[in-house]
Amino acid sequence: MAPGTPGRIAVDAMGGDLGPSEVVAAVKLALAQSPNLNPITLVGDEAVLRPTIAHYGLHRSERLSVLHASEVITMDDKPLAALKKKKDSSMVRAIELVKAGQANVVVSCGNTGALMACGTLRLRTMDGVARPALAAVVPREGGHFVLIDAGANPEAKPEHLVHNSILGSHYCRVMLGISNPRVGLMSIGTEDGKGNSLITETNELLKRIDGIINYSGPIEGFQVFAEHVDVVVCDGFVGNIMLKSWESLEKFIRSMLREELGANPMRRTGALLSKGAFAALKDRINPERYGGAPLLGLRGNILKAHGSSNRNAIKSAIRAAGEIIKADMNQRMVADIARANDLLIVPAS
């Protein structure tokens, strides 16, 4: 199949911290584990990618192709400057495949700011949406929830958070299989009037579209990891702090468990007997399970994986990209955004 065939997943092979070899290894895992996964186009330096693909035994795969890009946007590049100077970068070329309708989704571990800027400038926001938002899947009691916005728009307005609630609800249906996800607004209390002006105004607007979303009202921090809501809505400033705090806590818990369980022979024996339980716990709280955060609200799909993602995390992001394609998620988002915007129009006095 030729590069850029509709239905493809375009993977930026050059932007991650661990290099293109880790990306190609992830592609091999994804293709092996998901026989029905959409074909993949790897975008990057062909001179680097071809030998790596051969090394992993993928050089004869009809489900994989390569699109050459001579430049790389690094983590140190300034987003807008990089887009102007590096027009033949792997990130830009991958996004242009989506713009041209030659791929349905981009997966990238590259520079977050550049990815958001390039996605917004090249693809534009979908009808009715002013700002895109990052959605992250985070574990909680009894399962997982969607956190939105996880960092794309730190200076949000109430209407942006309303849109986030719709975008997050649709993503929750696709990734978590929850048909009518409960939506909560992150605040400092559950009562009406608690929080700053952004939260109080957003709360009133969300009540007006309850029917388009399943709005549960404001929630507090101690409710986030309880089985209380399925979508947590906030601005990108709060969401990014929440997400990074969780990821740091996850690493701390793992480190603490290793230290305490290895403290003496009795504990080491107990740990060995509980090996299955610890493996299950690790799987539930592992950030690599879903692999990436989609930039929702654009006229095309972009999935952002961590710059430090290993092959398992990238594999999960690629598989999530396949789920997004199958769900035709954006069409449903546009329809609900239009309905919400009609309800939020303030009649002239």
Protein backbone atom coordinates (compact mmCIF):
# COMPACT_ATOMS: atom_id res chain seq x y z
CA MET A 1 0.00 0.00 0.00
CA ALA A 2 1.39 3.40 -0.97
CA PRO A 3 2.32 6.04 1.61
CA GLY A 4 -0.51 8.33 2.57
CA THR A 5 -3.39 5.96 1.77
CA PRO A 6 -6.56 7.10 3.61
CA GLY A 7 -7.06 5.21 6.85
CA ARG A 8 -3.38 5.25 7.71
CA ILE A 9 -1.71 6.15 10.98
CA ALA A 10 1.16 8.59 10.41
CA VAL A 11 3.92 8.13 13.01
CA ASP A 12 6.55 10.83 13.57
CA ALA A 13 9.58 8.57 13.90
CA MET A 14 12.19 11.17 14.80
CA GLY A 15 10.96 13.32 17.70
CA GLY A 16 11.23 11.04 20.74
CA ASP A 17 14.01 11.03 23.33
CA LEU A 18 14.83 7.35 22.70
CA GLY A 19 15.29 7.73 18.95
CA PRO A 20 13.71 6.17 15.85
CA SER A 21 14.79 2.63 16.78
CA GLU A 22 12.39 2.66 19.73
CA VAL A 23 9.58 3.96 17.50
CA VAL A 24 10.15 1.21 14.92
CA ALA A 25 10.21 -1.39 17.70
CA ALA A 26 6.86 -0.01 18.89
CA VAL A 27 5.43 -0.28 15.38
CA LYS A 28 6.50 -3.92 15.23
CA LEU A 29 4.76 -4.63 18.54
CA ALA A 30 1.59 -2.81 17.48
CA LEU A 31 1.35 -4.59 14.13
CA ALA A 32 2.03 -7.99 15.72
CA GLN A 33 -0.50 -7.57 18.54
CA SER A 34 -3.26 -5.98 16.44
CA PRO A 35 -3.72 -7.79 13.11
CA ASN A 36 -6.57 -5.44 12.13
CA LEU A 37 -4.68 -2.24 12.97
CA ASN A 38 -4.69 0.43 10.26
CA PRO A 39 -1.62 0.58 7.99
CA ILE A 40 1.20 2.80 9.27
CA THR A 41 3.36 5.41 7.56
CA LEU A 42 6.63 6.14 9.36
CA VAL A 43 7.73 9.72 8.72
CA GLY A 44 11.41 10.60 9.05
CA ASP A 45 14.90 10.34 7.62
CA GLU A 46 14.75 7.44 5.17
CA ALA A 47 18.49 6.77 5.48
CA VAL A 48 17.98 6.11 9.20
CA LEU A 49 14.62 4.39 9.01
CA ARG A 50 15.22 1.86 6.23
CA PRO A 51 18.07 -0.02 8.00
CA THR A 52 16.16 0.12 11.30
CA ILE A 53 13.04 -1.30 9.68
CA ALA A 54 15.13 -4.10 8.16
CA HIS A 55 16.73 -4.78 11.55
CA TYR A 56 13.27 -5.38 13.04
CA GLY A 57 12.21 -7.56 10.09
CA LEU A 58 9.56 -5.16 8.81
CA HIS A 59 11.11 -4.33 5.42
CA ARG A 60 8.69 -6.59 3.56
CA SER A 61 5.58 -5.61 5.49
CA GLU A 62 2.70 -4.41 3.30
CA ARG A 63 1.23 -2.67 6.35
CA LEU A 64 4.17 -0.28 6.72
CA SER A 65 5.58 2.45 4.49
CA VAL A 66 8.04 5.34 4.84
CA LEU A 67 7.68 9.02 3.97
CA HIS A 68 11.04 10.82 3.88
CA ALA A 69 11.52 13.99 5.95
CA SER A 70 14.99 15.51 6.12
CA GLU A 71 14.65 17.56 9.34
CA VAL A 72 13.81 17.02 13.01
CA ILE A 73 12.16 19.41 15.46
CA THR A 74 14.02 18.91 18.74
CA MET A 75 12.79 19.36 22.30
CA ASP A 76 14.91 22.52 22.58
CA ASP A 77 13.43 24.21 19.49
CA LYS A 78 11.07 27.15 19.95
CA PRO A 79 7.74 25.97 18.51
CA LEU A 80 6.88 28.75 16.05
CA ALA A 81 10.48 29.30 14.97
CA ALA A 82 10.89 25.56 14.35
CA LEU A 83 7.78 25.44 12.18
CA LYS A 84 9.10 28.28 10.02
CA LYS A 85 12.66 26.96 9.70
CA LYS A 86 12.01 23.21 9.57
CA LYS A 87 9.23 22.79 7.05
CA ASP A 88 10.59 19.39 6.01
CA SER A 89 10.58 18.05 9.56
CA SER A 90 9.04 14.67 10.36
CA MET A 91 6.41 16.31 12.57
CA VAL A 92 5.26 18.80 9.94
CA ARG A 93 5.21 16.18 7.17
CA ALA A 94 3.17 13.79 9.32
CA ILE A 95 0.58 16.45 10.11
CA GLU A 96 0.40 17.45 6.45
CA LEU A 97 -0.59 13.87 5.60
CA VAL A 98 -3.66 14.35 7.79
CA LYS A 99 -4.38 17.79 6.32
CA ALA A 100 -4.29 16.31 2.82
CA GLY A 101 -6.65 13.49 3.83
CA GLN A 102 -3.91 10.93 3.23
CA ALA A 103 -3.83 9.76 6.85
CA ASN A 104 -6.37 9.92 9.65
CA VAL A 105 -4.21 10.43 12.73
CA VAL A 106 -0.68 11.46 13.70
CA VAL A 107 1.24 9.89 16.59
CA SER A 108 4.26 11.86 17.83
CA CYS A 109 6.62 11.85 20.84
CA GLY A 110 8.03 15.20 19.76
CA ASN A 111 8.10 18.74 21.11
CA THR A 112 4.67 19.35 22.68
CA GLY A 113 4.53 23.06 21.94
CA ALA A 114 5.53 22.56 18.31
CA LEU A 115 3.03 19.73 17.90
CA MET A 116 0.17 21.85 19.26
CA ALA A 117 1.20 24.89 17.22
CA CYS A 118 1.63 22.92 14.01
CA GLY A 119 -1.61 21.02 14.53
CA THR A 120 -3.58 24.21 15.17
CA LEU A 121 -2.02 26.15 12.29
CA ARG A 122 -2.11 23.34 9.71
CA LEU A 123 -5.35 21.59 10.62
CA ARG A 124 -7.32 24.42 12.26
CA THR A 125 -9.92 23.93 14.97
CA MET A 126 -13.17 22.17 14.15
CA ASP A 127 -16.30 24.26 13.58
CA GLY A 128 -17.43 25.95 16.78
CA VAL A 129 -14.29 25.20 18.82
CA ALA A 130 -12.00 28.09 19.74
CA ARG A 131 -9.11 26.18 21.38
CA PRO A 132 -7.94 22.54 21.22
CA ALA A 133 -7.40 20.55 24.43
CA LEU A 134 -5.22 17.63 25.50
CA ALA A 135 -7.03 14.63 26.98
CA ALA A 136 -5.21 12.14 29.21
CA VAL A 137 -6.45 8.81 30.58
CA VAL A 138 -5.66 8.45 34.30
CA PRO A 139 -6.36 5.51 36.67
CA ARG A 140 -8.88 5.82 39.46
CA GLU A 141 -10.79 3.52 41.80
CA GLY A 142 -12.68 1.00 39.69
CA GLY A 143 -11.11 1.97 36.36
CA HIS A 144 -9.90 5.12 34.63
CA PHE A 145 -11.05 8.67 33.91
CA VAL A 146 -10.32 11.26 31.22
CA LEU A 147 -8.57 14.45 32.31
CA ILE A 148 -9.11 17.43 29.98
CA ASP A 149 -7.39 19.87 29.45
CA ALA A 150 -4.02 18.36 30.35
CA GLY A 151 -1.97 21.34 29.19
CA ALA A 152 -2.91 22.74 25.78
CA ASN A 153 -4.74 25.90 26.89
CA PRO A 154 -3.60 27.27 30.28
CA GLU A 155 -5.63 30.49 30.01
CA ALA A 156 -9.11 29.20 29.32
CA LYS A 157 -12.48 30.93 29.18
CA PRO A 158 -15.75 29.34 30.35
CA GLU A 159 -16.80 28.43 26.80
CA HIS A 160 -13.48 26.61 26.32
CA LEU A 161 -14.20 24.44 29.35
CA VAL A 162 -17.71 23.73 28.06
CA HIS A 163 -16.18 22.52 24.80
CA ASN A 164 -13.66 20.47 26.79
CA SER A 165 -16.53 18.66 28.52
CA ILE A 166 -17.95 17.58 25.15
CA LEU A 167 -14.59 16.63 23.65
CA GLY A 168 -13.66 14.67 26.77
CA SER A 169 -17.01 12.86 26.88
CA HIS A 170 -16.61 11.60 23.33
CA TYR A 171 -13.02 10.50 23.92
CA CYS A 172 -14.12 8.69 27.09
CA ARG A 173 -16.72 6.75 25.10
CA VAL A 174 -14.10 5.68 22.57
CA MET A 175 -11.17 4.83 24.85
CA LEU A 176 -12.92 3.66 28.03
CA GLY A 177 -16.13 2.26 26.54
CA ILE A 178 -18.38 4.26 28.89
CA SER A 179 -21.60 5.02 27.01
CA ASN A 180 -22.80 7.95 29.16
CA PRO A 181 -19.73 9.29 31.00
CA ARG A 182 -20.23 11.41 34.10
CA VAL A 183 -18.58 14.82 33.81
CA GLY A 184 -17.18 16.74 36.77
CA LEU A 185 -15.78 20.29 36.88
CA MET A 186 -12.56 20.58 38.92
CA SER A 187 -13.06 23.08 41.76
CA ILE A 188 -12.31 23.67 45.44
CA GLY A 189 -15.78 22.63 46.59
CA THR A 190 -18.94 20.99 45.35
CA GLU A 191 -21.31 23.83 46.23
CA ASP A 192 -22.46 26.38 43.66
CA GLY A 193 -20.46 29.58 43.99
CA LYS A 194 -17.25 27.87 45.14
CA GLY A 195 -14.12 28.56 43.09
CA ASN A 196 -12.94 31.50 41.00
CA SER A 197 -14.96 33.30 38.34
CA LEU A 198 -13.87 30.84 35.63
CA ILE A 199 -15.28 27.91 37.60
CA THR A 200 -18.52 29.57 38.73
CA GLU A 201 -19.34 30.79 35.21
CA THR A 202 -18.43 27.43 33.66
CA ASN A 203 -20.59 25.60 36.19
CA GLU A 204 -23.66 27.62 35.15
CA LEU A 205 -22.97 27.00 31.46
CA LEU A 206 -22.49 23.27 31.96
CA LYS A 207 -25.88 23.07 33.67
CA ARG A 208 -27.41 24.53 30.52
CA ILE A 209 -26.03 21.78 28.29
CA ASP A 210 -26.83 18.91 30.67
CA GLY A 211 -28.39 16.57 28.13
CA ILE A 212 -25.59 16.94 25.65
CA ILE A 213 -23.26 15.81 28.42
CA ASN A 214 -23.98 13.94 31.66
CA TYR A 215 -22.97 16.71 34.07
CA SER A 216 -22.44 15.70 37.72
CA GLY A 217 -21.43 19.17 38.95
CA PRO A 218 -18.24 20.50 40.53
CA ILE A 219 -15.85 18.06 42.21
CA GLU A 220 -13.02 18.47 44.71
CA GLY A 221 -9.50 17.11 44.60
CA PHE A 222 -10.18 14.21 46.97
CA GLN A 223 -12.94 12.95 44.64
CA VAL A 224 -10.75 12.76 41.54
CA PHE A 225 -9.40 9.24 42.13
CA ALA A 226 -12.62 7.90 43.62
CA GLU A 227 -15.26 6.27 41.43
CA HIS A 228 -17.12 9.56 41.18
CA VAL A 229 -16.87 10.87 37.60
CA ASP A 230 -15.48 9.62 34.28
CA VAL A 231 -14.37 12.98 32.82
CA VAL A 232 -12.62 15.69 34.86
CA VAL A 233 -12.77 19.12 33.20
CA CYS A 234 -10.32 21.92 33.98
CA ASP A 235 -8.12 24.50 32.28
CA GLY A 236 -4.72 23.48 30.92
CA PHE A 237 -2.79 25.08 33.78
CA VAL A 238 -4.55 23.05 36.48
CA GLY A 239 -4.73 19.92 34.33
CA ASN A 240 -1.03 19.86 33.52
CA ILE A 241 -0.14 20.16 37.20
CA MET A 242 -2.59 17.37 38.07
CA LEU A 243 -1.23 15.05 35.38
CA LYS A 244 2.43 15.59 36.20
CA SER A 245 1.73 15.26 39.93
CA TRP A 246 0.03 11.91 39.29
CA GLU A 247 2.91 10.66 37.14
CA SER A 248 5.40 11.72 39.80
CA LEU A 249 3.33 10.01 42.51
CA GLU A 250 3.16 6.80 40.48
CA LYS A 251 6.97 6.70 40.26
CA PHE A 252 7.26 7.48 43.97
CA ILE A 253 4.87 4.67 44.92
CA ARG A 254 6.80 2.16 42.82
CA SER A 255 10.11 3.28 44.33
CA MET A 256 8.72 3.17 47.88
CA LEU A 257 7.25 -0.30 47.39
CA ARG A 258 10.57 -1.64 46.11
CA GLU A 259 12.41 -0.13 49.06
CA GLU A 260 9.99 -1.31 51.75
CA LEU A 261 9.37 -4.78 50.34
CA GLY A 262 13.10 -5.44 50.06
CA ALA A 263 13.91 -4.22 53.56
CA ASN A 264 14.30 -7.69 55.12
CA PRO A 265 13.98 -11.40 54.22
CA MET A 266 10.45 -11.72 55.59
CA ARG A 267 9.17 -8.84 53.47
CA ARG A 268 10.99 -10.18 50.41
CA THR A 269 9.24 -13.53 50.92
CA GLY A 270 5.88 -11.79 51.25
CA ALA A 271 6.57 -9.79 48.12
CA LEU A 272 7.38 -12.95 46.20
CA LEU A 273 4.10 -14.57 47.34
CA SER A 274 2.22 -11.41 46.27
CA LYS A 275 3.93 -11.15 42.89
CA GLY A 276 0.68 -11.59 40.96
CA ALA A 277 -1.11 -8.88 42.90
CA PHE A 278 1.76 -6.44 42.38
CA ALA A 279 1.83 -7.19 38.65
CA ALA A 280 -1.91 -6.44 38.42
CA LEU A 281 -1.44 -3.21 40.39
CA LYS A 282 1.42 -2.13 38.14
CA ASP A 283 -0.74 -2.69 35.05
CA ARG A 284 -3.62 -0.64 36.49
CA ILE A 285 -1.54 2.40 37.44
CA ASN A 286 0.98 2.23 34.58
CA PRO A 287 0.90 5.50 32.52
CA GLU A 288 2.11 3.49 29.49
CA ARG A 289 -1.22 1.66 29.29
CA TYR A 290 -2.82 4.29 27.05
CA GLY A 291 0.42 5.78 25.78
CA GLY A 292 -0.59 9.24 24.70
CA ALA A 293 -2.92 12.21 24.95
CA PRO A 294 -4.94 13.30 21.90
CA LEU A 295 -5.13 16.97 20.96
CA LEU A 296 -8.90 17.20 20.59
CA GLY A 297 -10.91 19.88 18.82
CA LEU A 298 -8.94 19.99 15.56
CA ARG A 299 -10.05 19.10 12.03
CA GLY A 300 -7.86 16.06 12.22
CA ASN A 301 -6.45 13.75 14.87
CA ILE A 302 -3.16 14.19 16.70
CA LEU A 303 -2.00 11.90 19.50
CA LYS A 304 0.82 13.19 21.70
CA ALA A 305 3.00 10.63 23.48
CA HIS A 306 5.60 11.53 26.11
CA GLY A 307 9.00 12.49 24.76
CA SER A 308 10.52 9.77 26.95
CA SER A 309 8.03 7.10 25.84
CA ASN A 310 9.45 3.60 25.41
CA ARG A 311 8.27 1.08 22.83
CA ASN A 312 5.39 -0.15 24.99
CA ALA A 313 4.02 3.35 25.54
CA ILE A 314 4.35 4.22 21.85
CA LYS A 315 2.70 0.92 20.93
CA SER A 316 -0.25 1.85 23.16
CA ALA A 317 -0.49 5.27 21.50
CA ILE A 318 -0.53 3.65 18.05
CA ARG A 319 -3.27 1.26 19.09
CA ALA A 320 -5.26 4.19 20.54
CA ALA A 321 -4.88 5.93 17.18
CA GLY A 322 -6.51 2.93 15.53
CA GLU A 323 -9.45 3.14 17.95
CA ILE A 324 -9.91 6.84 17.15
CA ILE A 325 -10.06 6.08 13.43
CA LYS A 326 -12.64 3.31 13.90
CA ALA A 327 -14.90 5.50 16.06
CA ASP A 328 -15.16 8.41 13.58
CA MET A 329 -15.09 10.53 16.73
CA ASN A 330 -14.72 14.00 15.22
CA GLN A 331 -18.03 13.99 13.34
CA ARG A 332 -19.93 13.35 16.56
CA MET A 333 -17.95 16.02 18.38
CA VAL A 334 -18.79 18.67 15.78
CA ALA A 335 -22.52 17.92 16.03
CA ASP A 336 -22.58 18.20 19.84
CA ILE A 337 -20.42 21.34 19.86
CA ALA A 338 -22.92 22.99 17.48
CA ARG A 339 -25.85 22.00 19.74
CA ALA A 340 -24.06 23.36 22.82
CA ASN A 341 -23.13 26.64 21.15
CA ASP A 342 -26.77 27.18 20.18
CA LEU A 343 -27.84 26.69 23.80
CA LEU A 344 -25.17 29.07 25.10
CA ILE A 345 -26.21 32.03 22.94
CA VAL A 346 -27.39 34.79 25.27
CA PRO A 347 -30.61 36.41 23.97
CA ALA A 348 -30.39 40.16 23.26
CA SER A 349 -32.00 42.27 26.01
